[in-house]
C-alpha atoms as a PDB file:
ATOM      1  CA  UNK A   1     217.858 -75.852 -54.892  1.00  0.00           C
ATOM      2  CA  UNK A   2     217.598 -79.138 -56.711  1.00  0.00           C
ATOM      3  CA  UNK A   3     220.816 -81.173 -57.762  1.00  0.00           C
ATOM      4  CA  UNK A   4     219.770 -80.575 -61.387  1.00  0.00           C
ATOM      5  CA  UNK A   5     219.665 -76.843 -61.017  1.00  0.00           C
ATOM      6  CA  UNK A   6     222.961 -76.920 -59.184  1.00  0.00           C
ATOM      7  CA  UNK A   7     224.755 -78.893 -61.843  1.00  0.00           C
ATOM      8  CA  UNK A   8     223.453 -76.655 -64.758  1.00  0.00           C
ATOM      9  CA  UNK A   9     224.467 -73.603 -63.054  1.00  0.00           C
ATOM     10  CA  UNK A  10     227.916 -75.108 -62.376  1.00  0.00           C
ATOM     11  CA  UNK A  11     228.052 -76.109 -66.160  1.00  0.00           C
ATOM     12  CA  UNK A  12     227.225 -72.507 -67.256  1.00  0.00           C
ATOM     13  CA  UNK A  13     229.857 -70.942 -64.796  1.00  0.00           C
ATOM     14  CA  UNK A  14     232.503 -73.480 -65.862  1.00  0.00           C
ATOM     15  CA  UNK A  15     231.764 -72.868 -69.594  1.00  0.00           C
ATOM     16  CA  UNK A  16     232.146 -69.079 -68.975  1.00  0.00           C
ATOM     17  CA  UNK A  17     235.451 -69.646 -67.208  1.00  0.00           C
ATOM     18  CA  UNK A  18     236.738 -71.817 -69.896  1.00  0.00           C
ATOM     19  CA  UNK A  19     235.723 -69.253 -72.700  1.00  0.00           C
ATOM     20  CA  UNK A  20     237.728 -66.654 -70.569  1.00  0.00           C
ATOM     21  CA  UNK A  21     240.721 -68.676 -69.616  1.00  0.00           C
ATOM     22  CA  UNK A  22     240.918 -71.444 -72.267  1.00  0.00           C
ATOM     23  CA  UNK A  23     242.459 -73.825 -69.739  1.00  0.00           C
ATOM     24  CA  UNK A  24     242.137 -77.361 -70.807  1.00  0.00           C
ATOM     25  CA  UNK A  25     241.537 -78.546 -67.172  1.00  0.00           C
ATOM     26  CA  UNK A  26     238.314 -76.794 -67.250  1.00  0.00           C
ATOM     27  CA  UNK A  27     237.096 -79.183 -70.057  1.00  0.00           C
ATOM     28  CA  UNK A  28     237.091 -82.136 -67.628  1.00  0.00           C
ATOM     29  CA  UNK A  29     235.311 -80.254 -65.071  1.00  0.00           C
ATOM     30  CA  UNK A  30     232.739 -79.044 -67.371  1.00  0.00           C
ATOM     31  CA  UNK A  31     232.266 -82.570 -68.705  1.00  0.00           C
ATOM     32  CA  UNK A  32     231.791 -83.810 -65.100  1.00  0.00           C
ATOM     33  CA  UNK A  33     229.144 -81.132 -64.335  1.00  0.00           C
ATOM     34  CA  UNK A  34     227.392 -81.715 -67.705  1.00  0.00           C
ATOM     35  CA  UNK A  35     227.308 -85.506 -67.425  1.00  0.00           C
ATOM     36  CA  UNK A  36     226.057 -85.192 -63.767  1.00  0.00           C
ATOM     37  CA  UNK A  37     223.360 -82.814 -64.862  1.00  0.00           C
ATOM     38  CA  UNK A  38     222.136 -85.168 -67.523  1.00  0.00           C
ATOM     39  CA  UNK A  39     222.240 -88.052 -64.945  1.00  0.00           C
ATOM     40  CA  UNK A  40     220.072 -85.991 -62.506  1.00  0.00           C
ATOM     41  CA  UNK A  41     217.665 -85.070 -65.477  1.00  0.00           C
ATOM     42  CA  UNK A  42     216.970 -88.825 -65.722  1.00  0.00           C
ATOM     43  CA  UNK A  43     216.375 -88.853 -61.912  1.00  0.00           C
ATOM     44  CA  UNK A  44     213.033 -90.689 -62.271  1.00  0.00           C
ATOM     45  CA  UNK A  45     214.635 -93.656 -63.875  1.00  0.00           C
ATOM     46  CA  UNK A  46     217.665 -95.011 -62.156  1.00  0.00           C
ATOM     47  CA  UNK A  47     218.668 -97.264 -65.097  1.00  0.00           C
ATOM     48  CA  UNK A  48     218.790 -94.312 -67.428  1.00  0.00           C
ATOM     49  CA  UNK A  49     220.502 -92.043 -64.995  1.00  0.00           C
ATOM     50  CA  UNK A  50     223.413 -94.622 -63.907  1.00  0.00           C
ATOM     51  CA  UNK A  51     225.498 -94.318 -67.091  1.00  0.00           C
ATOM     52  CA  UNK A  52     225.572 -90.735 -66.939  1.00  0.00           C
ATOM     53  CA  UNK A  53     226.654 -90.585 -63.307  1.00  0.00           C
ATOM     54  CA  UNK A  54     229.341 -93.217 -63.972  1.00  0.00           C
ATOM     55  CA  UNK A  55     230.695 -91.107 -66.893  1.00  0.00           C
ATOM     56  CA  UNK A  56     230.628 -88.071 -64.612  1.00  0.00           C
ATOM     57  CA  UNK A  57     232.725 -89.949 -62.191  1.00  0.00           C
ATOM     58  CA  UNK A  58     235.140 -90.865 -64.999  1.00  0.00           C
ATOM     59  CA  UNK A  59     235.587 -87.296 -65.915  1.00  0.00           C
ATOM     60  CA  UNK A  60     236.060 -86.399 -62.367  1.00  0.00           C
ATOM     61  CA  UNK A  61     239.044 -88.989 -62.215  1.00  0.00           C
ATOM     62  CA  UNK A  62     240.290 -87.482 -65.344  1.00  0.00           C
ATOM     63  CA  UNK A  63     240.318 -84.186 -63.930  1.00  0.00           C
ATOM     64  CA  UNK A  64     242.205 -85.451 -60.803  1.00  0.00           C
ATOM     65  CA  UNK A  65     244.869 -87.121 -63.201  1.00  0.00           C
ATOM     66  CA  UNK A  66     245.171 -83.730 -64.951  1.00  0.00           C
ATOM     67  CA  UNK A  67     245.638 -81.879 -61.554  1.00  0.00           C
ATOM     68  CA  UNK A  68     248.219 -84.305 -60.269  1.00  0.00           C
ATOM     69  CA  UNK A  69     251.727 -82.871 -60.019  1.00  0.00           C
ATOM     70  CA  UNK A  70     254.188 -84.133 -62.564  1.00  0.00           C
ATOM     71  CA  UNK A  71     257.427 -85.388 -60.939  1.00  0.00           C
ATOM     72  CA  UNK A  72     260.535 -85.239 -63.207  1.00  0.00           C
ATOM     73  CA  UNK A  73     261.935 -88.696 -63.919  1.00  0.00           C
ATOM     74  CA  UNK A  74     265.510 -89.567 -62.451  1.00  0.00           C
ATOM     75  CA  UNK A  75     268.084 -89.868 -65.171  1.00  0.00           C
END
């Protein structure tokens, strides 16, 4: 299976899960998979693919921030 096919399938599965659950954290995961799929679509041109891969990485970092536990601040 090519990386493009994997990321397209992951995007579709995540979209279906978001439609089912309406969890906002799934939107960051959806964005990451979609941006990486676009990056792999431009696999023949590294310069065209690079911004999409960087944006996919940024979406992954946003997902990491969203999943981080929140600690109450001391008063």
